[in-house]
Amino acid sequence: MFGSQVPSVPVTEIDDETYLLDVREDDEWVAGHAPGAHHLPMMELPARLAEVPTDRDVAVICRSGGRSAQVVGYLLNNGWEQVRNADGGMRQWEAVGRPVVGGDGQPGRVI
């Protein structure tokens, strides 16, 4: 890794076996998130580290990739090995046509 670069994965390569960790705030999550994603706001991560699996691939996602990159770096520094940043975040997820659902289960939007 060079400087602040963290391992990443294109959103098109994230499959159902990958633990998708959404670190956005509650209002962003309710507006629209990836089906099957797990919500854990970035600021709550240190207190909830045990919720993030260490035995499978983890992709971390936010709106555009900045917050999730910070979380990936934090997890790597705390012993996680199979963790990657979702390139382009939820904006890219939506742009390539992957599904987005709101908190009510209806089609959502990325804010």
PDB file of N, CA and C in Angstrom:
ATOM      1  N   MET A   1       0.841  -1.190   0.000  1.00  0.00           N
ATOM      2  CA  MET A   1       0.000   0.000   0.000  1.00  0.00           C
ATOM      3  C   MET A   1       0.879   1.244   0.000  1.00  0.00           C
ATOM      4  N   PHE A   2       0.465   2.255  -0.697  1.00  0.00           N
ATOM      5  CA  PHE A   2       1.208   3.500  -0.770  1.00  0.00           C
ATOM      6  C   PHE A   2       0.377   4.601  -0.125  1.00  0.00           C
ATOM      7  N   GLY A   3       0.946   5.290   0.849  1.00  0.00           N
ATOM      8  CA  GLY A   3       0.253   6.398   1.489  1.00  0.00           C
ATOM      9  C   GLY A   3      -1.075   5.959   2.074  1.00  0.00           C
ATOM     10  N   SER A   4      -2.143   6.629   1.648  1.00  0.00           N
ATOM     11  CA  SER A   4      -3.460   6.337   2.210  1.00  0.00           C
ATOM     12  C   SER A   4      -4.235   5.330   1.366  1.00  0.00           C
ATOM     13  N   GLN A   5      -3.569   4.705   0.399  1.00  0.00           N
ATOM     14  CA  GLN A   5      -4.252   3.726  -0.436  1.00  0.00           C
ATOM     15  C   GLN A   5      -4.675   2.522   0.407  1.00  0.00           C
ATOM     16  N   VAL A   6      -5.885   2.076   0.185  1.00  0.00           N
ATOM     17  CA  VAL A   6      -6.370   0.875   0.858  1.00  0.00           C
ATOM     18  C   VAL A   6      -6.842  -0.102  -0.210  1.00  0.00           C
ATOM     19  N   PRO A   7      -6.867  -1.389   0.105  1.00  0.00           N
ATOM     20  CA  PRO A   7      -7.357  -2.355  -0.880  1.00  0.00           C
ATOM     21  C   PRO A   7      -8.806  -2.051  -1.230  1.00  0.00           C
ATOM     22  N   SER A   8      -9.146  -2.227  -2.488  1.00  0.00           N
ATOM     23  CA  SER A   8     -10.508  -1.919  -2.919  1.00  0.00           C
ATOM     24  C   SER A   8     -11.044  -3.000  -3.839  1.00  0.00           C
ATOM     25  N   VAL A   9     -12.354  -2.925  -4.073  1.00  0.00           N
ATOM     26  CA  VAL A   9     -13.035  -3.865  -4.945  1.00  0.00           C
ATOM     27  C   VAL A   9     -14.095  -3.095  -5.739  1.00  0.00           C
ATOM     28  N   PRO A  10     -14.205  -3.345  -7.045  1.00  0.00           N
ATOM     29  CA  PRO A  10     -15.277  -2.708  -7.814  1.00  0.00           C
ATOM     30  C   PRO A  10     -16.641  -3.182  -7.297  1.00  0.00           C
ATOM     31  N   VAL A  11     -17.615  -2.288  -7.268  1.00  0.00           N
ATOM     32  CA  VAL A  11     -18.935  -2.681  -6.764  1.00  0.00           C
ATOM     33  C   VAL A  11     -19.554  -3.799  -7.604  1.00  0.00           C
ATOM     34  N   THR A  12     -19.154  -3.901  -8.856  1.00  0.00           N
ATOM     35  CA  THR A  12     -19.687  -4.958  -9.720  1.00  0.00           C
ATOM     36  C   THR A  12     -19.173  -6.342  -9.334  1.00  0.00           C
ATOM     37  N   GLU A  13     -18.105  -6.396  -8.517  1.00  0.00           N
ATOM     38  CA  GLU A  13     -17.530  -7.676  -8.122  1.00  0.00           C
ATOM     39  C   GLU A  13     -17.928  -8.107  -6.704  1.00  0.00           C
ATOM     40  N   ILE A  14     -18.777  -7.329  -6.056  1.00  0.00           N
ATOM     41  CA  ILE A  14     -19.243  -7.688  -4.712  1.00  0.00           C
ATOM     42  C   ILE A  14     -20.402  -8.660  -4.869  1.00  0.00           C
ATOM     43  N   ASP A  15     -20.219  -9.879  -4.329  1.00  0.00           N
ATOM     44  CA  ASP A  15     -21.256 -10.893  -4.481  1.00  0.00           C
ATOM     45  C   ASP A  15     -22.007 -11.113  -3.163  1.00  0.00           C
ATOM     46  N   ASP A  16     -22.972 -12.005  -3.200  1.00  0.00           N
ATOM     47  CA  ASP A  16     -23.813 -12.266  -2.028  1.00  0.00           C
ATOM     48  C   ASP A  16     -23.060 -12.917  -0.878  1.00  0.00           C
ATOM     49  N   GLU A  17     -21.898 -13.510  -1.161  1.00  0.00           N
ATOM     50  CA  GLU A  17     -21.107 -14.145  -0.111  1.00  0.00           C
ATOM     51  C   GLU A  17     -20.290 -13.122   0.686  1.00  0.00           C
ATOM     52  N   THR A  18     -20.118 -11.940   0.121  1.00  0.00           N
ATOM     53  CA  THR A  18     -19.339 -10.887   0.772  1.00  0.00           C
ATOM     54  C   THR A  18     -20.198 -10.179   1.813  1.00  0.00           C
ATOM     55  N   TYR A  19     -19.632  -9.935   2.981  1.00  0.00           N
ATOM     56  CA  TYR A  19     -20.295  -9.169   4.029  1.00  0.00           C
ATOM     57  C   TYR A  19     -20.165  -7.704   3.648  1.00  0.00           C
ATOM     58  N   LEU A  20     -21.280  -7.073   3.263  1.00  0.00           N
ATOM     59  CA  LEU A  20     -21.272  -5.681   2.828  1.00  0.00           C
ATOM     60  C   LEU A  20     -21.596  -4.794   4.026  1.00  0.00           C
ATOM     61  N   LEU A  21     -20.609  -4.021   4.453  1.00  0.00           N
ATOM     62  CA  LEU A  21     -20.726  -3.176   5.632  1.00  0.00           C
ATOM     63  C   LEU A  21     -20.938  -1.729   5.209  1.00  0.00           C
ATOM     64  N   ASP A  22     -22.126  -1.198   5.472  1.00  0.00           N
ATOM     65  CA  ASP A  22     -22.484   0.178   5.119  1.00  0.00           C
ATOM     66  C   ASP A  22     -22.220   1.064   6.332  1.00  0.00           C
ATOM     67  N   VAL A  23     -21.289   2.008   6.200  1.00  0.00           N
ATOM     68  CA  VAL A  23     -20.878   2.832   7.335  1.00  0.00           C
ATOM     69  C   VAL A  23     -21.457   4.249   7.289  1.00  0.00           C
ATOM     70  N   ARG A  24     -22.493   4.445   6.472  1.00  0.00           N
ATOM     71  CA  ARG A  24     -23.117   5.766   6.372  1.00  0.00           C
ATOM     72  C   ARG A  24     -24.006   6.041   7.587  1.00  0.00           C
ATOM     73  N   GLU A  25     -24.451   7.268   7.678  1.00  0.00           N
ATOM     74  CA  GLU A  25     -25.318   7.684   8.784  1.00  0.00           C
ATOM     75  C   GLU A  25     -26.735   7.135   8.596  1.00  0.00           C
ATOM     76  N   ASP A  26     -27.514   7.179   9.670  1.00  0.00           N
ATOM     77  CA  ASP A  26     -28.863   6.607   9.667  1.00  0.00           C
ATOM     78  C   ASP A  26     -29.743   7.164   8.549  1.00  0.00           C
ATOM     79  N   ASP A  27     -29.724   8.488   8.327  1.00  0.00           N
ATOM     80  CA  ASP A  27     -30.588   9.073   7.301  1.00  0.00           C
ATOM     81  C   ASP A  27     -30.197   8.595   5.899  1.00  0.00           C
ATOM     82  N   GLU A  28     -28.911   8.406   5.669  1.00  0.00           N
ATOM     83  CA  GLU A  28     -28.451   7.910   4.376  1.00  0.00           C
ATOM     84  C   GLU A  28     -28.908   6.463   4.172  1.00  0.00           C
ATOM     85  N   TRP A  29     -28.796   5.661   5.215  1.00  0.00           N
ATOM     86  CA  TRP A  29     -29.213   4.260   5.165  1.00  0.00           C
ATOM     87  C   TRP A  29     -30.710   4.152   4.865  1.00  0.00           C
ATOM     88  N   VAL A  30     -31.524   4.926   5.573  1.00  0.00           N
ATOM     89  CA  VAL A  30     -32.979   4.865   5.408  1.00  0.00           C
ATOM     90  C   VAL A  30     -33.377   5.299   3.998  1.00  0.00           C
ATOM     91  N   ALA A  31     -32.685   6.293   3.445  1.00  0.00           N
ATOM     92  CA  ALA A  31     -33.005   6.768   2.095  1.00  0.00           C
ATOM     93  C   ALA A  31     -32.749   5.689   1.046  1.00  0.00           C
ATOM     94  N   GLY A  32     -31.671   4.942   1.219  1.00  0.00           N
ATOM     95  CA  GLY A  32     -31.378   3.888   0.256  1.00  0.00           C
ATOM     96  C   GLY A  32     -30.087   3.174   0.553  1.00  0.00           C
ATOM     97  N   HIS A  33     -30.150   1.849   0.530  1.00  0.00           N
ATOM     98  CA  HIS A  33     -28.973   1.017   0.778  1.00  0.00           C
ATOM     99  C   HIS A  33     -29.050  -0.241  -0.081  1.00  0.00           C
ATOM    100  N   ALA A  34     -27.957  -0.945  -0.130  1.00  0.00           N
ATOM    101  CA  ALA A  34     -27.902  -2.196  -0.887  1.00  0.00           C
ATOM    102  C   ALA A  34     -28.662  -3.273  -0.116  1.00  0.00           C
ATOM    103  N   PRO A  35     -29.498  -4.044  -0.809  1.00  0.00           N
ATOM    104  CA  PRO A  35     -30.174  -5.148  -0.126  1.00  0.00           C
ATOM    105  C   PRO A  35     -29.130  -6.105   0.464  1.00  0.00           C
ATOM    106  N   GLY A  36     -29.349  -6.540   1.667  1.00  0.00           N
ATOM    107  CA  GLY A  36     -28.429  -7.475   2.293  1.00  0.00           C
ATOM    108  C   GLY A  36     -27.249  -6.827   2.986  1.00  0.00           C
ATOM    109  N   ALA A  37     -27.113  -5.515   2.880  1.00  0.00           N
ATOM    110  CA  ALA A  37     -26.006  -4.818   3.548  1.00  0.00           C
ATOM    111  C   ALA A  37     -26.248  -4.794   5.056  1.00  0.00           C
ATOM    112  N   HIS A  38     -25.175  -4.604   5.788  1.00  0.00           N
ATOM    113  CA  HIS A  38     -25.228  -4.503   7.245  1.00  0.00           C
ATOM    114  C   HIS A  38     -24.862  -3.074   7.620  1.00  0.00           C
ATOM    115  N   HIS A  39     -25.725  -2.430   8.404  1.00  0.00           N
ATOM    116  CA  HIS A  39     -25.525  -1.025   8.742  1.00  0.00           C
ATOM    117  C   HIS A  39     -24.782  -0.881  10.063  1.00  0.00           C
ATOM    118  N   LEU A  40     -23.665  -0.154  10.010  1.00  0.00           N
ATOM    119  CA  LEU A  40     -22.891   0.149  11.203  1.00  0.00           C
ATOM    120  C   LEU A  40     -22.238   1.511  10.957  1.00  0.00           C
ATOM    121  N   PRO A  41     -22.870   2.592  11.439  1.00  0.00           N
ATOM    122  CA  PRO A  41     -22.314   3.924  11.182  1.00  0.00           C
ATOM    123  C   PRO A  41     -20.847   4.026  11.606  1.00  0.00           C
ATOM    124  N   MET A  42     -20.070   4.724  10.824  1.00  0.00           N
ATOM    125  CA  MET A  42     -18.631   4.832  11.031  1.00  0.00           C
ATOM    126  C   MET A  42     -18.266   5.197  12.472  1.00  0.00           C
ATOM    127  N   MET A  43     -18.949   6.141  13.057  1.00  0.00           N
ATOM    128  CA  MET A  43     -18.589   6.598  14.398  1.00  0.00           C
ATOM    129  C   MET A  43     -18.887   5.564  15.480  1.00  0.00           C
ATOM    130  N   GLU A  44     -19.707   4.571  15.169  1.00  0.00           N
ATOM    131  CA  GLU A  44     -20.028   3.527  16.133  1.00  0.00           C
ATOM    132  C   GLU A  44     -19.092   2.319  16.017  1.00  0.00           C
ATOM    133  N   LEU A  45     -18.281   2.296  14.986  1.00  0.00           N
ATOM    134  CA  LEU A  45     -17.433   1.139  14.714  1.00  0.00           C
ATOM    135  C   LEU A  45     -16.547   0.717  15.893  1.00  0.00           C
ATOM    136  N   PRO A  46     -15.803   1.626  16.527  1.00  0.00           N
ATOM    137  CA  PRO A  46     -14.919   1.169  17.602  1.00  0.00           C
ATOM    138  C   PRO A  46     -15.644   0.389  18.707  1.00  0.00           C
ATOM    139  N   ALA A  47     -16.865   0.791  19.026  1.00  0.00           N
ATOM    140  CA  ALA A  47     -17.617   0.117  20.087  1.00  0.00           C
ATOM    141  C   ALA A  47     -18.294  -1.162  19.608  1.00  0.00           C
ATOM    142  N   ARG A  48     -18.363  -1.345  18.291  1.00  0.00           N
ATOM    143  CA  ARG A  48     -19.096  -2.488  17.740  1.00  0.00           C
ATOM    144  C   ARG A  48     -18.231  -3.372  16.843  1.00  0.00           C
ATOM    145  N   LEU A  49     -16.922  -3.336  17.035  1.00  0.00           N
ATOM    146  CA  LEU A  49     -15.994  -4.105  16.197  1.00  0.00           C
ATOM    147  C   LEU A  49     -16.340  -5.582  16.124  1.00  0.00           C
ATOM    148  N   ALA A  50     -16.850  -6.140  17.212  1.00  0.00           N
ATOM    149  CA  ALA A  50     -17.146  -7.574  17.252  1.00  0.00           C
ATOM    150  C   ALA A  50     -18.210  -7.975  16.238  1.00  0.00           C
ATOM    151  N   GLU A  51     -18.972  -7.011  15.722  1.00  0.00           N
ATOM    152  CA  GLU A  51     -20.016  -7.306  14.735  1.00  0.00           C
ATOM    153  C   GLU A  51     -19.450  -7.543  13.334  1.00  0.00           C
ATOM    154  N   VAL A  52     -18.218  -7.138  13.109  1.00  0.00           N
ATOM    155  CA  VAL A  52     -17.614  -7.268  11.781  1.00  0.00           C
ATOM    156  C   VAL A  52     -16.885  -8.609  11.708  1.00  0.00           C
ATOM    157  N   PRO A  53     -17.311  -9.489  10.789  1.00  0.00           N
ATOM    158  CA  PRO A  53     -16.683 -10.813  10.730  1.00  0.00           C
ATOM    159  C   PRO A  53     -15.223 -10.762  10.312  1.00  0.00           C
ATOM    160  N   THR A  54     -14.469 -11.709  10.850  1.00  0.00           N
ATOM    161  CA  THR A  54     -13.050 -11.820  10.490  1.00  0.00           C
ATOM    162  C   THR A  54     -12.784 -13.044   9.625  1.00  0.00           C
ATOM    163  N   ASP A  55     -13.815 -13.866   9.418  1.00  0.00           N
ATOM    164  CA  ASP A  55     -13.626 -15.138   8.729  1.00  0.00           C
ATOM    165  C   ASP A  55     -14.197 -15.165   7.312  1.00  0.00           C
ATOM    166  N   ARG A  56     -14.492 -14.008   6.758  1.00  0.00           N
ATOM    167  CA  ARG A  56     -15.007 -13.933   5.385  1.00  0.00           C
ATOM    168  C   ARG A  56     -14.676 -12.579   4.793  1.00  0.00           C
ATOM    169  N   ASP A  57     -14.855 -12.465   3.478  1.00  0.00           N
ATOM    170  CA  ASP A  57     -14.592 -11.191   2.811  1.00  0.00           C
ATOM    171  C   ASP A  57     -15.573 -10.133   3.287  1.00  0.00           C
ATOM    172  N   VAL A  58     -15.038  -8.940   3.544  1.00  0.00           N
ATOM    173  CA  VAL A  58     -15.838  -7.795   3.963  1.00  0.00           C
ATOM    174  C   VAL A  58     -15.585  -6.666   2.969  1.00  0.00           C
ATOM    175  N   ALA A  59     -16.657  -6.094   2.432  1.00  0.00           N
ATOM    176  CA  ALA A  59     -16.556  -4.900   1.598  1.00  0.00           C
ATOM    177  C   ALA A  59     -17.223  -3.774   2.374  1.00  0.00           C
ATOM    178  N   VAL A  60     -16.524  -2.661   2.504  1.00  0.00           N
ATOM    179  CA  VAL A  60     -17.040  -1.516   3.249  1.00  0.00           C
ATOM    180  C   VAL A  60     -17.485  -0.462   2.246  1.00  0.00           C
ATOM    181  N   ILE A  61     -18.689   0.099   2.478  1.00  0.00           N
ATOM    182  CA  ILE A  61     -19.254   1.054   1.533  1.00  0.00           C
ATOM    183  C   ILE A  61     -19.802   2.272   2.265  1.00  0.00           C
ATOM    184  N   CYS A  62     -19.678   3.436   1.637  1.00  0.00           N
ATOM    185  CA  CYS A  62     -20.296   4.671   2.115  1.00  0.00           C
ATOM    186  C   CYS A  62     -20.905   5.349   0.882  1.00  0.00           C
ATOM    187  N   ARG A  63     -21.050   6.657   0.884  1.00  0.00           N
ATOM    188  CA  ARG A  63     -21.648   7.309  -0.275  1.00  0.00           C
ATOM    189  C   ARG A  63     -20.710   7.306  -1.481  1.00  0.00           C
ATOM    190  N   SER A  64     -19.454   7.727  -1.268  1.00  0.00           N
ATOM    191  CA  SER A  64     -18.557   7.834  -2.418  1.00  0.00           C
ATOM    192  C   SER A  64     -17.207   7.153  -2.244  1.00  0.00           C
ATOM    193  N   GLY A  65     -16.907   6.648  -1.054  1.00  0.00           N
ATOM    194  CA  GLY A  65     -15.673   5.906  -0.849  1.00  0.00           C
ATOM    195  C   GLY A  65     -14.707   6.483   0.161  1.00  0.00           C
ATOM    196  N   GLY A  66     -14.927   7.703   0.619  1.00  0.00           N
ATOM    197  CA  GLY A  66     -14.004   8.334   1.560  1.00  0.00           C
ATOM    198  C   GLY A  66     -14.085   7.765   2.969  1.00  0.00           C
ATOM    199  N   ARG A  67     -15.282   7.747   3.525  1.00  0.00           N
ATOM    200  CA  ARG A  67     -15.449   7.216   4.880  1.00  0.00           C
ATOM    201  C   ARG A  67     -15.125   5.734   4.923  1.00  0.00           C
ATOM    202  N   SER A  68     -15.573   5.020   3.903  1.00  0.00           N
ATOM    203  CA  SER A  68     -15.324   3.572   3.894  1.00  0.00           C
ATOM    204  C   SER A  68     -13.831   3.275   3.804  1.00  0.00           C
ATOM    205  N   ALA A  69     -13.072   4.093   3.083  1.00  0.00           N
ATOM    206  CA  ALA A  69     -11.618   3.898   3.017  1.00  0.00           C
ATOM    207  C   ALA A  69     -10.996   4.059   4.399  1.00  0.00           C
ATOM    208  N   GLN A  70     -11.474   5.028   5.166  1.00  0.00           N
ATOM    209  CA  GLN A  70     -10.979   5.216   6.533  1.00  0.00           C
ATOM    210  C   GLN A  70     -11.288   3.997   7.388  1.00  0.00           C
ATOM    211  N   VAL A  71     -12.501   3.461   7.223  1.00  0.00           N
ATOM    212  CA  VAL A  71     -12.900   2.281   7.998  1.00  0.00           C
ATOM    213  C   VAL A  71     -12.047   1.079   7.605  1.00  0.00           C
ATOM    214  N   VAL A  72     -11.792   0.896   6.321  1.00  0.00           N
ATOM    215  CA  VAL A  72     -10.939  -0.211   5.877  1.00  0.00           C
ATOM    216  C   VAL A  72      -9.564  -0.093   6.526  1.00  0.00           C
ATOM    217  N   GLY A  73      -8.984   1.098   6.511  1.00  0.00           N
ATOM    218  CA  GLY A  73      -7.690   1.299   7.156  1.00  0.00           C
ATOM    219  C   GLY A  73      -7.740   0.969   8.636  1.00  0.00           C
ATOM    220  N   TYR A  74      -8.789   1.382   9.300  1.00  0.00           N
ATOM    221  CA  TYR A  74      -8.950   1.099  10.734  1.00  0.00           C
ATOM    222  C   TYR A  74      -9.035  -0.401  10.980  1.00  0.00           C
ATOM    223  N   LEU A  75      -9.844  -1.085  10.171  1.00  0.00           N
ATOM    224  CA  LEU A  75      -9.985  -2.535  10.345  1.00  0.00           C
ATOM    225  C   LEU A  75      -8.666  -3.255  10.068  1.00  0.00           C
ATOM    226  N   LEU A  76      -7.968  -2.851   9.019  1.00  0.00           N
ATOM    227  CA  LEU A  76      -6.670  -3.467   8.717  1.00  0.00           C
ATOM    228  C   LEU A  76      -5.702  -3.288   9.886  1.00  0.00           C
ATOM    229  N   ASN A  77      -5.721  -2.123  10.493  1.00  0.00           N
ATOM    230  CA  ASN A  77      -4.838  -1.851  11.632  1.00  0.00           C
ATOM    231  C   ASN A  77      -5.255  -2.597  12.891  1.00  0.00           C
ATOM    232  N   ASN A  78      -6.459  -3.161  12.882  1.00  0.00           N
ATOM    233  CA  ASN A  78      -6.962  -3.884  14.051  1.00  0.00           C
ATOM    234  C   ASN A  78      -7.096  -5.381  13.795  1.00  0.00           C
ATOM    235  N   GLY A  79      -6.387  -5.876  12.780  1.00  0.00           N
ATOM    236  CA  GLY A  79      -6.287  -7.315  12.583  1.00  0.00           C
ATOM    237  C   GLY A  79      -7.129  -7.934  11.486  1.00  0.00           C
ATOM    238  N   TRP A  80      -7.976  -7.175  10.830  1.00  0.00           N
ATOM    239  CA  TRP A  80      -8.758  -7.735   9.723  1.00  0.00           C
ATOM    240  C   TRP A  80      -7.853  -7.855   8.504  1.00  0.00           C
ATOM    241  N   GLU A  81      -8.038  -8.930   7.757  1.00  0.00           N
ATOM    242  CA  GLU A  81      -7.238  -9.136   6.554  1.00  0.00           C
ATOM    243  C   GLU A  81      -8.071  -9.136   5.288  1.00  0.00           C
ATOM    244  N   GLN A  82      -9.283  -9.644   5.348  1.00  0.00           N
ATOM    245  CA  GLN A  82     -10.130  -9.815   4.165  1.00  0.00           C
ATOM    246  C   GLN A  82     -11.115  -8.653   4.044  1.00  0.00           C
ATOM    247  N   VAL A  83     -10.613  -7.422   4.054  1.00  0.00           N
ATOM    248  CA  VAL A  83     -11.467  -6.242   4.002  1.00  0.00           C
ATOM    249  C   VAL A  83     -11.041  -5.343   2.857  1.00  0.00           C
ATOM    250  N   ARG A  84     -12.041  -4.843   2.106  1.00  0.00           N
ATOM    251  CA  ARG A  84     -11.780  -4.006   0.935  1.00  0.00           C
ATOM    252  C   ARG A  84     -12.763  -2.838   0.911  1.00  0.00           C
ATOM    253  N   ASN A  85     -12.346  -1.754   0.294  1.00  0.00           N
ATOM    254  CA  ASN A  85     -13.198  -0.583   0.102  1.00  0.00           C
ATOM    255  C   ASN A  85     -13.985  -0.740  -1.198  1.00  0.00           C
ATOM    256  N   ALA A  86     -15.289  -0.486  -1.144  1.00  0.00           N
ATOM    257  CA  ALA A  86     -16.126  -0.558  -2.349  1.00  0.00           C
ATOM    258  C   ALA A  86     -15.875   0.695  -3.193  1.00  0.00           C
ATOM    259  N   ASP A  87     -15.227   0.503  -4.357  1.00  0.00           N
ATOM    260  CA  ASP A  87     -14.879   1.622  -5.237  1.00  0.00           C
ATOM    261  C   ASP A  87     -16.099   2.462  -5.603  1.00  0.00           C
ATOM    262  N   GLY A  88     -16.030   3.751  -5.312  1.00  0.00           N
ATOM    263  CA  GLY A  88     -17.093   4.667  -5.716  1.00  0.00           C
ATOM    264  C   GLY A  88     -18.308   4.669  -4.811  1.00  0.00           C
ATOM    265  N   GLY A  89     -18.342   3.789  -3.847  1.00  0.00           N
ATOM    266  CA  GLY A  89     -19.418   3.773  -2.864  1.00  0.00           C
ATOM    267  C   GLY A  89     -20.810   3.532  -3.442  1.00  0.00           C
ATOM    268  N   MET A  90     -21.799   3.979  -2.681  1.00  0.00           N
ATOM    269  CA  MET A  90     -23.195   3.782  -3.093  1.00  0.00           C
ATOM    270  C   MET A  90     -23.540   4.562  -4.355  1.00  0.00           C
ATOM    271  N   ARG A  91     -22.841   5.660  -4.594  1.00  0.00           N
ATOM    272  CA  ARG A  91     -23.075   6.397  -5.852  1.00  0.00           C
ATOM    273  C   ARG A  91     -22.742   5.507  -7.044  1.00  0.00           C
ATOM    274  N   GLN A  92     -21.611   4.821  -6.974  1.00  0.00           N
ATOM    275  CA  GLN A  92     -21.223   3.922  -8.056  1.00  0.00           C
ATOM    276  C   GLN A  92     -22.142   2.709  -8.098  1.00  0.00           C
ATOM    277  N   TRP A  93     -22.495   2.181  -6.936  1.00  0.00           N
ATOM    278  CA  TRP A  93     -23.416   1.037  -6.837  1.00  0.00           C
ATOM    279  C   TRP A  93     -24.696   1.342  -7.623  1.00  0.00           C
ATOM    280  N   GLU A  94     -25.265   2.515  -7.356  1.00  0.00           N
ATOM    281  CA  GLU A  94     -26.494   2.930  -8.026  1.00  0.00           C
ATOM    282  C   GLU A  94     -26.251   3.176  -9.517  1.00  0.00           C
ATOM    283  N   ALA A  95     -25.114   3.794  -9.849  1.00  0.00           N
ATOM    284  CA  ALA A  95     -24.801   4.139 -11.241  1.00  0.00           C
ATOM    285  C   ALA A  95     -24.684   2.916 -12.139  1.00  0.00           C
ATOM    286  N   VAL A  96     -24.202   1.793 -11.600  1.00  0.00           N
ATOM    287  CA  VAL A  96     -24.062   0.588 -12.429  1.00  0.00           C
ATOM    288  C   VAL A  96     -25.328  -0.263 -12.421  1.00  0.00           C
ATOM    289  N   GLY A  97     -26.375   0.245 -11.773  1.00  0.00           N
ATOM    290  CA  GLY A  97     -27.671  -0.441 -11.825  1.00  0.00           C
ATOM    291  C   GLY A  97     -27.902  -1.493 -10.760  1.00  0.00           C
ATOM    292  N   ARG A  98     -27.078  -1.511  -9.732  1.00  0.00           N
ATOM    293  CA  ARG A  98     -27.314  -2.463  -8.644  1.00  0.00           C
ATOM    294  C   ARG A  98     -28.493  -1.960  -7.824  1.00  0.00           C
ATOM    295  N   PRO A  99     -29.258  -2.858  -7.202  1.00  0.00           N
ATOM    296  CA  PRO A  99     -30.472  -2.438  -6.501  1.00  0.00           C
ATOM    297  C   PRO A  99     -30.207  -1.605  -5.255  1.00  0.00           C
ATOM    298  N   VAL A 100     -31.118  -0.669  -5.016  1.00  0.00           N
ATOM    299  CA  VAL A 100     -31.081   0.192  -3.833  1.00  0.00           C
ATOM    300  C   VAL A 100     -32.480   0.165  -3.230  1.00  0.00           C
ATOM    301  N   VAL A 101     -32.563  -0.148  -1.931  1.00  0.00           N
ATOM    302  CA  VAL A 101     -33.845  -0.171  -1.248  1.00  0.00           C
ATOM    303  C   VAL A 101     -33.839   0.820  -0.103  1.00  0.00           C
ATOM    304  N   GLY A 102     -35.020   1.371   0.174  1.00  0.00           N
ATOM    305  CA  GLY A 102     -35.164   2.307   1.296  1.00  0.00           C
ATOM    306  C   GLY A 102     -35.456   1.544   2.572  1.00  0.00           C
ATOM    307  N   GLY A 103     -35.525   2.272   3.659  1.00  0.00           N
ATOM    308  CA  GLY A 103     -35.800   1.695   4.946  1.00  0.00           C
ATOM    309  C   GLY A 103     -37.148   1.009   5.029  1.00  0.00           C
ATOM    310  N   ASP A 104     -38.057   1.380   4.128  1.00  0.00           N
ATOM    311  CA  ASP A 104     -39.397   0.782   4.104  1.00  0.00           C
ATOM    312  C   ASP A 104     -39.494  -0.404   3.148  1.00  0.00           C
ATOM    313  N   GLY A 105     -38.363  -0.802   2.556  1.00  0.00           N
ATOM    314  CA  GLY A 105     -38.352  -1.927   1.634  1.00  0.00           C
ATOM    315  C   GLY A 105     -38.702  -1.559   0.200  1.00  0.00           C
ATOM    316  N   GLN A 106     -39.102  -0.331  -0.025  1.00  0.00           N
ATOM    317  CA  GLN A 106     -39.416   0.153  -1.374  1.00  0.00           C
ATOM    318  C   GLN A 106     -38.128   0.610  -2.072  1.00  0.00           C
ATOM    319  N   PRO A 107     -38.168   0.819  -3.391  1.00  0.00           N
ATOM    320  CA  PRO A 107     -36.971   1.328  -4.052  1.00  0.00           C
ATOM    321  C   PRO A 107     -36.461   2.591  -3.359  1.00  0.00           C
ATOM    322  N   GLY A 108     -35.150   2.661  -3.181  1.00  0.00           N
ATOM    323  CA  GLY A 108     -34.547   3.797  -2.477  1.00  0.00           C
ATOM    324  C   GLY A 108     -33.705   4.642  -3.393  1.00  0.00           C
ATOM    325  N   ARG A 109     -33.039   5.606  -2.780  1.00  0.00           N
ATOM    326  CA  ARG A 109     -32.149   6.506  -3.524  1.00  0.00           C
ATOM    327  C   ARG A 109     -30.944   6.812  -2.648  1.00  0.00           C
ATOM    328  N   VAL A 110     -29.848   7.121  -3.299  1.00  0.00           N
ATOM    329  CA  VAL A 110     -28.617   7.440  -2.586  1.00  0.00           C
ATOM    330  C   VAL A 110     -28.584   8.949  -2.334  1.00  0.00           C
ATOM    331  N   ILE A 111     -28.390   9.304  -1.064  1.00  0.00           N
ATOM    332  CA  ILE A 111     -28.288  10.748  -0.741  1.00  0.00           C
ATOM    333  C   ILE A 111     -26.916  11.023  -0.186  1.00  0.00           C
TER     334      ILE A 111
END
